[in-house]
N, C-alpha and C. Protein backbone atom coordinates (compact mmCIF):
# COMPACT_ATOMS: atom_id res chain seq x y z
N MET A 1 95.01 65.99 97.08
CA MET A 1 93.96 65.58 97.69
C MET A 1 93.86 66.77 99.05
N ILE A 2 92.72 67.64 98.67
CA ILE A 2 92.59 68.44 100.15
C ILE A 2 91.40 67.99 100.93
N ILE A 3 91.67 67.85 102.00
CA ILE A 3 90.76 67.52 103.14
C ILE A 3 90.56 68.47 104.26
N CYS A 4 89.27 68.96 104.36
CA CYS A 4 89.00 70.19 105.66
C CYS A 4 88.31 69.54 106.58
N PHE A 5 88.83 69.86 107.79
CA PHE A 5 88.09 69.66 108.69
C PHE A 5 87.24 70.80 109.34
N THR A 6 86.02 70.75 109.56
CA THR A 6 85.31 71.96 109.55
C THR A 6 84.10 71.65 110.18
N GLY A 7 83.29 73.00 110.44
CA GLY A 7 81.67 72.73 111.07
C GLY A 7 81.59 73.94 111.41
N GLN A 8 80.30 74.10 111.91
CA GLN A 8 79.59 75.63 112.27
C GLN A 8 79.69 75.48 113.87
N LYS A 9 80.01 74.43 114.56
CA LYS A 9 80.13 74.95 116.08
C LYS A 9 81.19 74.34 116.62
N GLY A 10 81.99 75.04 117.42
CA GLY A 10 83.18 74.76 118.25
C GLY A 10 82.91 73.77 119.01
N GLY A 11 84.01 73.08 119.85
CA GLY A 11 83.94 72.35 120.63
C GLY A 11 83.54 70.85 120.65
N VAL A 12 83.37 70.24 119.41
CA VAL A 12 83.09 69.26 119.15
C VAL A 12 84.20 68.08 118.70
N GLY A 13 85.62 68.89 118.99
CA GLY A 13 86.85 67.75 118.76
C GLY A 13 87.11 67.95 117.32
N LYS A 14 86.79 68.98 116.60
CA LYS A 14 87.41 69.31 115.24
C LYS A 14 88.83 68.90 115.04
N SER A 15 89.45 70.02 115.91
CA SER A 15 91.13 70.07 115.89
C SER A 15 91.48 68.58 116.36
N THR A 16 91.05 67.83 117.32
CA THR A 16 91.54 67.04 118.17
C THR A 16 91.50 65.78 117.00
N LEU A 17 90.38 65.65 116.07
CA LEU A 17 90.34 64.55 115.24
C LEU A 17 91.33 65.10 113.91
N ALA A 18 91.40 66.19 113.56
CA ALA A 18 92.34 66.57 112.70
C ALA A 18 93.71 66.29 112.72
N ILE A 19 93.96 66.30 114.19
CA ILE A 19 95.40 66.04 114.59
C ILE A 19 95.43 64.26 114.45
N ALA A 20 94.54 63.75 114.89
CA ALA A 20 94.43 62.05 115.22
C ALA A 20 94.64 61.71 113.79
N PHE A 21 93.87 62.21 112.57
CA PHE A 21 93.72 62.01 111.49
C PHE A 21 95.26 61.91 110.98
N ALA A 22 95.73 62.95 110.86
CA ALA A 22 97.17 63.10 110.36
C ALA A 22 97.93 61.98 111.07
N ASN A 23 98.18 62.06 112.30
CA ASN A 23 98.97 61.11 112.97
C ASN A 23 98.60 59.50 112.30
N TYR A 24 97.39 59.28 112.23
CA TYR A 24 97.02 57.87 112.01
C TYR A 24 97.69 57.77 110.58
N LEU A 25 97.42 58.44 109.77
CA LEU A 25 97.73 58.32 108.25
C LEU A 25 99.42 58.37 108.01
N VAL A 26 100.07 58.91 108.86
CA VAL A 26 101.46 58.98 108.75
C VAL A 26 102.29 57.82 109.46
N GLN A 27 101.72 57.82 111.18
CA GLN A 27 101.97 56.15 111.73
C GLN A 27 101.75 55.14 111.39
N GLU A 28 100.65 54.97 110.81
CA GLU A 28 100.03 53.89 110.42
C GLU A 28 99.95 53.29 109.08
N LYS A 29 100.03 54.36 108.41
CA LYS A 29 99.83 54.19 106.95
C LYS A 29 100.85 54.44 106.07
N GLY A 30 101.94 55.02 106.73
CA GLY A 30 103.07 55.63 106.06
C GLY A 30 102.93 56.58 105.06
N ILE A 31 102.03 57.29 105.20
CA ILE A 31 101.39 58.68 104.05
C ILE A 31 101.92 59.94 104.54
N ASP A 32 102.64 60.57 103.66
CA ASP A 32 102.94 61.99 103.73
C ASP A 32 102.01 62.69 103.82
N VAL A 33 101.84 63.86 104.86
CA VAL A 33 100.75 64.42 105.15
C VAL A 33 101.27 66.13 105.24
N LYS A 34 100.67 66.89 104.36
CA LYS A 34 100.85 68.57 105.06
C LYS A 34 99.73 68.97 105.82
N MET A 35 100.16 69.78 106.82
CA MET A 35 98.82 70.36 107.76
C MET A 35 98.57 71.81 107.60
N TYR A 36 97.74 72.32 107.41
CA TYR A 36 97.40 73.79 107.47
C TYR A 36 96.34 74.31 108.26
N ASP A 37 96.62 74.83 109.11
CA ASP A 37 95.65 75.71 110.40
C ASP A 37 95.23 76.86 109.89
N PHE A 38 94.16 76.87 109.54
CA PHE A 38 93.31 78.26 108.92
C PHE A 38 92.38 78.71 109.97
N ASP A 39 92.62 78.37 111.37
CA ASP A 39 91.49 78.84 112.34
C ASP A 39 92.44 79.81 113.16
N SER A 40 91.47 80.91 113.47
CA SER A 40 92.40 81.99 114.20
C SER A 40 92.79 81.32 115.54
N GLN A 41 91.89 80.65 116.07
CA GLN A 41 92.04 80.05 117.39
C GLN A 41 93.55 79.26 117.80
N GLN A 42 94.21 78.82 116.23
CA GLN A 42 95.37 78.01 116.15
C GLN A 42 95.78 77.03 117.08
N THR A 43 94.73 76.17 117.03
CA THR A 43 94.64 75.05 118.01
C THR A 43 95.85 74.39 117.63
N ILE A 44 95.98 73.84 116.68
CA ILE A 44 96.78 72.52 116.07
C ILE A 44 98.45 73.49 115.97
N TYR A 45 98.22 74.80 115.48
CA TYR A 45 99.78 75.27 115.23
C TYR A 45 100.35 75.37 116.51
N GLN A 46 99.71 75.71 117.57
CA GLN A 46 99.85 75.79 119.06
C GLN A 46 100.55 74.70 119.59
N ARG A 47 99.47 73.49 119.28
CA ARG A 47 99.72 72.50 119.90
C ARG A 47 101.13 71.98 119.48
N TRP A 48 101.05 71.67 117.93
CA TRP A 48 102.22 71.51 117.48
C TRP A 48 103.56 72.07 117.68
N ASN A 49 103.64 73.45 117.93
CA ASN A 49 104.93 74.13 118.54
C ASN A 49 105.30 73.59 120.11
N ILE A 50 104.14 73.46 120.95
CA ILE A 50 104.85 73.26 122.06
C ILE A 50 105.05 71.45 122.10
N ASP A 51 104.62 70.81 121.50
CA ASP A 51 104.94 69.50 121.43
C ASP A 51 106.31 69.39 120.91
N ASN A 52 106.82 70.48 119.84
CA ASN A 52 108.01 70.30 118.95
C ASN A 52 109.22 70.72 120.34
N GLU A 53 108.72 71.53 121.03
CA GLU A 53 109.68 71.61 122.22
C GLU A 53 109.65 71.00 123.69
N HIS A 54 108.66 70.45 123.72
CA HIS A 54 108.52 69.78 125.07
C HIS A 54 108.33 68.00 125.13
N VAL A 55 108.09 67.26 123.56
CA VAL A 55 107.50 66.22 123.29
C VAL A 55 108.76 65.46 122.78
N PRO A 56 109.24 64.38 123.19
CA PRO A 56 110.54 63.55 122.50
C PRO A 56 109.65 63.01 121.42
N GLY A 57 110.78 63.06 120.35
CA GLY A 57 110.53 62.30 118.87
C GLY A 57 110.34 62.96 118.01
N ASP A 58 110.58 62.67 116.59
CA ASP A 58 110.61 63.30 115.41
C ASP A 58 109.19 63.74 114.95
N LYS A 59 109.32 64.97 114.23
CA LYS A 59 107.83 65.32 113.59
C LYS A 59 107.71 64.34 112.74
N LEU A 60 106.13 64.32 112.86
CA LEU A 60 105.12 63.28 111.94
C LEU A 60 105.11 64.00 110.70
N TYR A 61 105.01 65.37 110.96
CA TYR A 61 104.38 66.51 109.35
C TYR A 61 104.85 68.00 109.83
N GLU A 62 104.46 68.73 108.96
CA GLU A 62 104.74 70.09 109.37
C GLU A 62 103.46 70.59 109.28
N VAL A 63 103.36 71.92 110.30
CA VAL A 63 101.93 72.51 110.54
C VAL A 63 102.05 74.17 110.11
N ASN A 64 101.56 74.12 109.13
CA ASN A 64 101.41 76.06 108.79
C ASN A 64 100.52 76.75 109.34
N TYR A 65 100.40 77.97 109.81
CA TYR A 65 99.45 78.56 110.21
C TYR A 65 99.20 79.76 108.96
N ILE A 66 98.01 79.62 108.80
CA ILE A 66 97.71 80.71 107.56
C ILE A 66 96.98 81.93 108.33
N GLU A 67 97.55 82.92 107.95
CA GLU A 67 96.64 83.95 108.61
C GLU A 67 95.66 84.47 107.46
N ARG A 68 94.63 85.34 107.99
CA ARG A 68 93.63 85.86 107.22
C ARG A 68 94.01 86.69 106.07
N ASP A 69 95.13 87.34 106.21
CA ASP A 69 95.75 88.26 105.40
C ASP A 69 96.78 87.83 104.48
N ASN A 70 96.87 86.25 104.49
CA ASN A 70 97.90 85.70 103.47
C ASN A 70 97.15 84.28 103.42
N ASN A 71 96.02 84.42 102.49
CA ASN A 71 95.39 83.24 102.31
C ASN A 71 95.83 82.62 101.16
N ILE A 72 96.34 81.11 101.30
CA ILE A 72 97.38 80.78 100.09
C ILE A 72 96.27 79.91 99.33
N PHE A 73 95.08 79.72 100.02
CA PHE A 73 94.19 78.92 98.96
C PHE A 73 93.56 79.35 97.69
N ASP A 74 94.23 79.66 96.81
CA ASP A 74 93.87 80.44 95.39
C ASP A 74 93.78 79.55 94.48
N VAL A 75 93.42 79.93 93.23
CA VAL A 75 93.42 78.72 92.05
C VAL A 75 94.23 77.97 92.19
N GLU A 76 95.71 78.47 91.98
CA GLU A 76 96.76 77.93 91.87
C GLU A 76 96.92 76.47 92.54
N PHE A 77 96.65 76.90 94.12
CA PHE A 77 96.48 75.96 94.99
C PHE A 77 95.80 74.80 94.71
N PHE A 78 94.66 75.04 94.49
CA PHE A 78 93.53 73.98 94.20
C PHE A 78 94.04 73.18 92.51
N ASP A 79 94.57 74.02 91.83
CA ASP A 79 94.83 72.98 90.42
C ASP A 79 96.14 72.24 90.88
N GLU A 80 96.98 72.58 91.73
CA GLU A 80 98.14 71.97 92.17
C GLU A 80 97.73 70.59 92.99
N HIS A 81 97.01 70.78 94.02
CA HIS A 81 96.88 69.60 94.99
C HIS A 81 95.31 68.89 94.77
N TYR A 82 94.08 69.52 93.99
CA TYR A 82 92.84 68.70 93.94
C TYR A 82 93.44 67.25 93.17
N GLU A 83 94.09 67.50 92.56
CA GLU A 83 94.02 65.89 91.63
C GLU A 83 95.36 64.94 92.22
N SER A 84 96.05 65.78 92.91
CA SER A 84 97.26 64.94 93.66
C SER A 84 96.97 63.86 94.74
N ASP A 85 97.77 62.84 94.72
CA ASP A 85 97.70 61.81 95.64
C ASP A 85 98.14 62.46 97.15
N GLU A 86 99.16 63.51 97.04
CA GLU A 86 99.40 64.10 98.29
C GLU A 86 98.24 64.45 99.11
N VAL A 87 98.29 64.33 100.27
CA VAL A 87 97.23 64.33 101.28
C VAL A 87 97.31 65.85 102.10
N ILE A 88 96.62 66.70 101.78
CA ILE A 88 96.62 67.96 102.25
C ILE A 88 95.59 68.24 103.32
N ILE A 89 95.68 68.36 104.93
CA ILE A 89 94.93 68.72 105.76
C ILE A 89 94.59 69.97 106.20
N VAL A 90 93.51 70.28 106.14
CA VAL A 90 93.11 72.05 106.79
C VAL A 90 92.40 71.93 107.77
N ASP A 91 92.61 72.57 108.73
CA ASP A 91 91.91 72.68 109.70
C ASP A 91 91.26 74.15 109.67
N LEU A 92 89.79 74.30 109.29
CA LEU A 92 89.32 75.41 109.28
C LEU A 92 88.34 75.95 110.11
N ALA A 93 88.25 77.15 110.42
CA ALA A 93 87.37 77.69 111.27
C ALA A 93 86.00 77.46 111.21
N GLY A 94 85.14 77.30 112.08
CA GLY A 94 83.64 77.02 112.03
C GLY A 94 82.94 78.69 112.16
N THR A 95 83.08 78.99 110.71
CA THR A 95 82.40 80.27 110.24
C THR A 95 81.71 80.03 109.01
N GLN A 96 81.16 81.40 108.72
CA GLN A 96 80.62 81.40 107.61
C GLN A 96 81.21 82.72 106.91
N ASP A 97 82.72 83.24 107.29
CA ASP A 97 83.23 84.19 106.42
C ASP A 97 83.79 84.04 105.29
N MET A 98 83.87 84.91 104.34
CA MET A 98 83.64 84.61 103.04
C MET A 98 85.24 84.20 102.46
N ILE A 99 86.14 84.54 103.49
CA ILE A 99 87.30 84.22 103.45
C ILE A 99 87.66 82.53 102.95
N TYR A 100 86.73 81.96 103.59
CA TYR A 100 86.76 80.24 103.70
C TYR A 100 86.17 79.79 102.78
N THR A 101 85.25 80.46 101.57
CA THR A 101 84.27 80.15 100.81
C THR A 101 85.05 78.93 99.70
N ASP A 102 86.10 79.32 99.13
CA ASP A 102 86.91 78.67 98.42
C ASP A 102 87.11 77.30 98.97
N LEU A 103 87.60 77.31 99.99
CA LEU A 103 88.02 76.01 100.84
C LEU A 103 86.37 74.97 100.88
N LEU A 104 85.71 75.66 100.98
CA LEU A 104 84.25 74.91 101.22
C LEU A 104 83.66 74.32 100.30
N GLN A 105 83.96 75.42 99.10
CA GLN A 105 83.47 75.05 97.62
C GLN A 105 84.25 73.94 97.07
N GLN A 106 85.44 73.95 97.36
CA GLN A 106 86.33 73.46 95.95
C GLN A 106 87.65 72.13 96.74
N SER A 107 87.47 72.00 98.09
CA SER A 107 88.18 70.99 98.61
C SER A 107 87.71 69.69 98.21
N ASN A 108 88.50 68.56 98.18
CA ASN A 108 87.88 67.21 97.90
C ASN A 108 86.80 66.94 98.95
N PHE A 109 87.22 66.89 100.21
CA PHE A 109 86.48 66.51 100.99
C PHE A 109 86.24 67.33 102.26
N LEU A 110 85.15 67.66 102.90
CA LEU A 110 84.83 68.14 103.97
C LEU A 110 84.45 67.10 105.40
N ILE A 111 85.12 67.45 106.24
CA ILE A 111 85.07 66.18 107.16
C ILE A 111 84.46 66.92 108.33
N LEU A 112 83.16 66.50 108.73
CA LEU A 112 82.23 67.45 109.77
C LEU A 112 82.21 66.60 111.01
N PRO A 113 82.79 66.69 111.97
CA PRO A 113 82.43 65.92 113.33
C PRO A 113 81.38 66.65 113.74
N PHE A 114 80.40 66.04 114.49
CA PHE A 114 79.29 66.39 115.33
C PHE A 114 79.31 65.41 116.66
N GLU A 115 78.34 66.03 117.44
CA GLU A 115 77.85 65.32 118.52
C GLU A 115 76.62 65.07 118.15
N TYR A 116 75.73 64.23 119.05
CA TYR A 116 74.14 63.80 118.64
C TYR A 116 73.68 64.43 119.65
N THR A 117 73.88 65.65 120.17
CA THR A 117 73.52 67.08 121.41
C THR A 117 72.51 67.81 120.34
N GLU A 118 71.58 68.40 121.13
CA GLU A 118 70.37 69.02 119.97
C GLU A 118 71.47 70.36 119.68
N PHE A 119 72.27 70.94 120.16
CA PHE A 119 72.96 72.14 119.72
C PHE A 119 73.82 71.56 118.56
N SER A 120 74.47 70.77 118.85
CA SER A 120 75.56 70.39 117.76
C SER A 120 74.91 69.61 116.50
N MET A 121 73.53 68.95 116.56
CA MET A 121 72.74 68.77 115.50
C MET A 121 72.08 69.97 114.72
N LYS A 122 71.69 70.95 115.30
CA LYS A 122 71.05 72.19 114.76
C LYS A 122 72.00 73.01 114.05
N SER A 123 73.14 73.13 114.98
CA SER A 123 74.07 74.03 114.14
C SER A 123 75.14 73.41 112.97
N THR A 124 74.91 72.02 112.80
CA THR A 124 75.31 71.30 111.59
C THR A 124 74.36 71.21 110.64
N LEU A 125 73.19 71.27 111.00
CA LEU A 125 72.07 71.46 109.91
C LEU A 125 72.20 72.83 109.32
N VAL A 126 72.65 73.70 110.24
CA VAL A 126 72.56 75.18 109.72
C VAL A 126 73.96 75.24 108.52
N PHE A 127 74.81 74.76 109.06
CA PHE A 127 76.10 74.68 108.07
C PHE A 127 75.80 73.67 106.81
N LEU A 128 74.97 72.88 107.03
CA LEU A 128 74.69 72.36 105.74
C LEU A 128 73.88 73.24 104.56
N TYR A 129 73.17 73.80 105.29
CA TYR A 129 72.47 74.81 104.49
C TYR A 129 73.00 75.87 103.59
N VAL A 130 74.27 76.60 104.84
CA VAL A 130 75.36 77.49 104.42
C VAL A 130 76.04 76.67 103.10
N LEU A 131 76.10 75.37 103.21
CA LEU A 131 77.07 74.89 102.11
C LEU A 131 76.22 74.73 100.84
N GLY A 132 75.05 74.52 100.92
CA GLY A 132 74.25 74.59 100.08
C GLY A 132 73.93 75.97 99.15
N GLN A 133 73.98 76.70 99.78
CA GLN A 133 74.08 78.31 99.28
C GLN A 133 75.12 78.65 98.49
N ILE A 134 76.34 78.26 99.01
CA ILE A 134 77.40 78.67 98.28
C ILE A 134 77.96 77.72 97.47
N GLU A 135 76.82 76.53 97.18
CA GLU A 135 76.95 75.37 96.21
C GLU A 135 78.29 74.60 96.30
N SER A 136 78.86 74.38 97.52
CA SER A 136 79.74 73.40 97.50
C SER A 136 80.11 72.31 96.74
N MET A 137 81.08 72.10 96.14
CA MET A 137 81.02 70.76 95.56
C MET A 137 81.77 69.51 95.88
N SER A 138 82.11 70.01 97.32
CA SER A 138 83.07 68.90 97.90
C SER A 138 82.03 67.68 98.80
N GLU A 139 82.59 66.85 98.72
CA GLU A 139 82.26 65.32 99.06
C GLU A 139 82.15 65.87 100.87
N LYS A 140 80.76 65.20 101.37
CA LYS A 140 80.83 65.81 102.80
C LYS A 140 80.69 64.71 103.42
N ILE A 141 81.48 64.56 104.47
CA ILE A 141 81.57 63.17 105.24
C ILE A 141 81.31 63.42 106.70
N PHE A 142 80.65 62.93 107.42
CA PHE A 142 80.36 63.12 108.78
C PHE A 142 80.89 62.22 110.05
N ILE A 143 81.10 62.50 111.03
CA ILE A 143 81.66 61.57 112.10
C ILE A 143 81.16 61.90 113.21
N ALA A 144 80.40 60.91 114.04
CA ALA A 144 80.00 61.15 115.13
C ALA A 144 81.23 61.08 116.33
N ASN A 145 81.25 62.37 117.16
CA ASN A 145 82.29 62.22 118.15
C ASN A 145 81.82 62.32 119.37
N ARG A 146 82.74 61.37 120.38
CA ARG A 146 82.19 61.52 121.76
C ARG A 146 80.99 60.96 121.95
N TYR A 147 80.93 59.78 121.27
CA TYR A 147 79.42 59.34 121.47
C TYR A 147 79.45 58.23 122.68
N ASP A 148 78.42 58.30 123.24
CA ASP A 148 78.17 57.68 124.49
C ASP A 148 77.24 56.13 124.15
N LYS A 149 77.96 54.97 123.73
CA LYS A 149 76.87 54.08 123.52
C LYS A 149 76.06 53.47 124.40
N GLY A 150 76.16 54.02 125.54
CA GLY A 150 75.06 53.44 126.75
C GLY A 150 73.64 54.48 126.90
N TYR A 151 74.00 55.54 125.61
CA TYR A 151 73.01 56.51 125.74
C TYR A 151 71.66 56.41 124.78
N ASN A 152 70.89 56.59 124.60
CA ASN A 152 69.77 56.61 123.58
C ASN A 152 69.60 58.15 123.29
N TYR A 153 69.99 58.23 122.23
CA TYR A 153 70.03 59.87 121.90
C TYR A 153 68.75 59.91 120.74
N PRO A 154 67.64 60.93 121.32
CA PRO A 154 66.55 61.00 120.67
C PRO A 154 66.57 61.80 119.38
N GLY A 155 67.44 62.36 119.01
CA GLY A 155 67.47 62.71 117.69
C GLY A 155 68.35 62.30 116.59
N GLU A 156 69.08 61.38 116.87
CA GLU A 156 70.04 60.04 116.26
C GLU A 156 69.46 59.81 114.76
N GLU A 157 68.34 59.30 114.84
CA GLU A 157 67.79 58.87 113.62
C GLU A 157 67.43 60.04 112.59
N PHE A 158 66.73 61.01 113.06
CA PHE A 158 66.44 61.94 112.48
C PHE A 158 67.68 62.71 111.82
N PHE A 159 68.63 62.84 112.46
CA PHE A 159 69.52 63.64 112.09
C PHE A 159 70.50 62.66 110.73
N ASN A 160 70.55 61.38 111.14
CA ASN A 160 71.22 60.74 110.12
C ASN A 160 70.52 60.70 108.85
N GLY A 161 69.15 60.64 109.11
CA GLY A 161 68.26 60.95 107.59
C GLY A 161 68.48 62.58 107.08
N GLN A 162 68.99 63.26 107.75
CA GLN A 162 69.27 64.68 107.24
C GLN A 162 70.42 64.66 106.39
N ILE A 163 71.44 64.15 107.08
CA ILE A 163 72.65 63.67 106.28
C ILE A 163 72.62 63.06 104.85
N LYS A 164 71.65 62.27 104.94
CA LYS A 164 71.43 61.54 103.68
C LYS A 164 70.69 62.46 102.74
N GLU A 165 69.64 62.71 103.14
CA GLU A 165 69.05 64.14 102.57
C GLU A 165 69.87 64.58 101.70
N HIS A 166 70.89 65.53 102.82
CA HIS A 166 71.76 66.50 102.05
C HIS A 166 73.18 65.83 101.30
N ASN A 167 72.86 64.65 100.58
CA ASN A 167 73.92 63.99 99.99
C ASN A 167 75.21 64.01 100.64
N GLY A 168 75.04 63.86 102.26
CA GLY A 168 76.53 63.63 102.69
C GLY A 168 76.33 62.16 102.79
N THR A 169 77.66 61.80 103.50
CA THR A 169 78.11 60.21 104.06
C THR A 169 78.23 60.29 105.32
N LEU A 170 77.65 59.43 105.89
CA LEU A 170 78.00 59.22 107.52
C LEU A 170 78.92 58.14 107.51
N VAL A 171 79.91 58.14 108.56
CA VAL A 171 80.86 57.15 108.89
C VAL A 171 80.03 56.27 109.64
N ASN A 172 79.83 55.05 109.55
CA ASN A 172 79.29 54.07 110.15
C ASN A 172 79.98 54.15 111.59
N SER A 173 81.33 54.13 111.82
CA SER A 173 81.75 53.75 113.05
C SER A 173 81.99 55.07 113.82
N LYS A 174 81.62 54.94 115.17
CA LYS A 174 81.64 56.51 115.76
C LYS A 174 82.86 56.46 116.97
N ILE A 175 83.04 57.64 116.90
CA ILE A 175 84.41 57.71 118.04
C ILE A 175 83.82 57.79 119.40
N LEU A 176 84.25 56.86 120.21
CA LEU A 176 83.19 56.98 121.45
C LEU A 176 84.11 57.71 122.40
N LYS A 177 83.58 58.19 123.35
CA LYS A 177 83.75 59.22 124.38
C LYS A 177 85.01 58.68 125.10
N ARG A 178 86.49 59.17 124.89
CA ARG A 178 87.50 58.59 125.24
C ARG A 178 88.34 59.58 126.06
N ASN A 179 88.67 59.71 127.24
CA ASN A 179 89.24 60.63 127.94
C ASN A 179 90.71 60.93 127.29
N GLU A 180 90.97 59.53 126.59
CA GLU A 180 92.62 59.28 126.10
C GLU A 180 92.85 60.45 125.05
N LEU A 181 91.96 60.79 124.34
CA LEU A 181 92.16 61.46 123.28
C LEU A 181 92.54 62.80 123.18
N GLN A 182 92.08 63.45 124.61
CA GLN A 182 92.22 64.84 124.84
C GLN A 182 93.75 64.84 125.35
N LYS A 183 94.62 64.06 125.24
CA LYS A 183 95.83 64.21 125.88
C LYS A 183 96.84 63.72 124.28
N ILE A 184 95.99 63.94 123.26
CA ILE A 184 96.74 63.59 122.05
C ILE A 184 98.14 64.76 121.80
N THR A 185 98.98 64.29 121.29
CA THR A 185 99.82 65.18 120.58
C THR A 185 100.20 64.95 119.20
N THR A 186 100.94 66.22 118.77
CA THR A 186 101.16 65.79 117.10
C THR A 186 102.32 64.94 116.72
N LYS A 187 102.93 64.38 117.64
CA LYS A 187 103.84 63.35 117.61
C LYS A 187 103.54 62.15 117.12
N SER A 188 102.49 61.63 117.84
CA SER A 188 102.27 60.04 117.70
C SER A 188 100.84 59.75 118.40
N LEU A 189 100.35 58.40 118.00
CA LEU A 189 99.19 58.18 118.55
C LEU A 189 99.42 56.92 119.54
N ASN A 190 98.92 56.88 120.89
CA ASN A 190 99.62 55.48 121.61
C ASN A 190 98.38 54.59 121.34
N TYR A 191 98.67 53.54 121.99
CA TYR A 191 97.80 52.28 121.70
C TYR A 191 96.08 52.69 122.12
N ALA A 192 95.76 53.19 123.54
CA ALA A 192 94.48 53.77 123.29
C ALA A 192 93.93 54.56 122.54
N GLN A 193 95.06 55.65 122.15
CA GLN A 193 94.28 56.67 120.88
C GLN A 193 94.05 56.09 119.80
N LYS A 194 95.08 55.03 119.38
CA LYS A 194 94.50 54.31 118.15
C LYS A 194 93.45 53.50 118.30
N LYS A 195 93.38 52.80 119.15
CA LYS A 195 92.09 51.84 119.22
C LYS A 195 90.84 52.60 119.19
N ALA A 196 90.76 54.26 119.75
CA ALA A 196 89.70 54.74 119.77
C ALA A 196 89.40 54.85 118.29
N VAL A 197 89.99 55.42 117.41
CA VAL A 197 89.95 55.97 116.31
C VAL A 197 89.86 54.96 115.03
N LYS A 198 90.55 53.84 115.37
CA LYS A 198 90.82 52.89 114.06
C LYS A 198 89.76 52.67 113.26
N ASP A 199 88.86 52.11 113.61
CA ASP A 199 87.73 51.88 113.03
C ASP A 199 87.14 53.01 112.05
N ALA A 200 86.74 54.12 112.83
CA ALA A 200 86.30 54.91 111.93
C ALA A 200 87.17 55.49 110.73
N PHE A 201 88.76 55.72 111.37
CA PHE A 201 89.70 56.25 110.28
C PHE A 201 89.86 55.32 109.42
N GLU A 202 89.67 54.07 109.05
CA GLU A 202 89.95 53.00 108.14
C GLU A 202 88.79 53.03 107.23
N GLU A 203 87.56 53.49 107.96
CA GLU A 203 86.37 53.60 106.90
C GLU A 203 86.47 54.81 106.04
N MET A 204 87.12 56.03 106.74
CA MET A 204 87.27 57.08 106.14
C MET A 204 88.22 57.18 104.93
N ILE A 205 89.27 56.53 105.11
CA ILE A 205 90.63 56.02 104.17
C ILE A 205 89.71 55.46 102.99
N ILE A 206 88.95 54.73 103.15
CA ILE A 206 88.27 53.70 102.07
C ILE A 206 87.31 54.84 101.45
N LEU A 207 86.26 55.55 102.21
CA LEU A 207 85.61 56.34 101.59
C LEU A 207 86.05 57.43 100.49
N MET A 208 87.28 58.15 101.20
CA MET A 208 87.96 58.84 100.33
C MET A 208 89.16 58.82 99.42
N ASP A 209 89.39 57.31 99.54
CA ASP A 209 90.33 56.33 98.37
C ASP A 209 91.83 56.72 98.48
N ILE A 210 91.93 57.30 99.80
CA ILE A 210 93.46 57.74 100.16
C ILE A 210 94.27 56.27 99.36
N LYS A 211 95.41 56.88 98.78
CA LYS A 211 96.15 55.86 98.37
C LYS A 211 96.99 55.42 99.58
N VAL A 212 97.27 54.26 100.15
CA VAL A 212 98.38 53.84 100.92
C VAL A 212 99.39 52.77 100.49
N PRO A 213 100.58 53.55 100.66
CA PRO A 213 101.91 52.93 100.41
C PRO A 213 101.85 51.22 100.58
N LYS A 214 102.30 50.64 99.17
CA LYS A 214 102.91 49.21 99.57
C LYS A 214 103.72 49.06 100.44
N ASN A 215 103.79 47.91 101.27
CA ASN A 215 105.07 47.88 102.04
C ASN A 215 105.80 46.97 101.06
């Protein structure tokens, strides 16, 4: 199974949620994960290297940084992993560069974090248009991040309708604003971090039918 965290706009917590989801699958569900960083900013890869040098504890998973000139995501990769129960998580740059087209077209799932801000919603709708233009066959799952439940977002209802209209699936549980998530490492989720993501991630596991090992 190939799961891509992607989107048009940076700064919505895409890489942080990718790390948190990988941590949750390994730590809480006992699921083996392989992580690929295919974003030129190398956010996850650099975080992983720093954690391995300075944060106590064993690695939860390996992170491979994929350079533009060494794109491993070819037909053989999709043939090997698309139908597999093995979970592959890819942090994909928020860009329309053609080098990312195969992943956007053929991954099992695209996870699109967003915020209910005007700029984030507009850029996400533009990205949806791009996915339509390249005829992406991937299932699209949208997750609201940094949500302030005390604020009335004026565009929330309209945007949710647009997701449905474009055959996307909206995770009902939102990731609330939590400073604790900014302190995340690739080594573990602490209690507060786990509490912040648990409901949304449990819902995503069900939506993607990720096989959880029996104890």
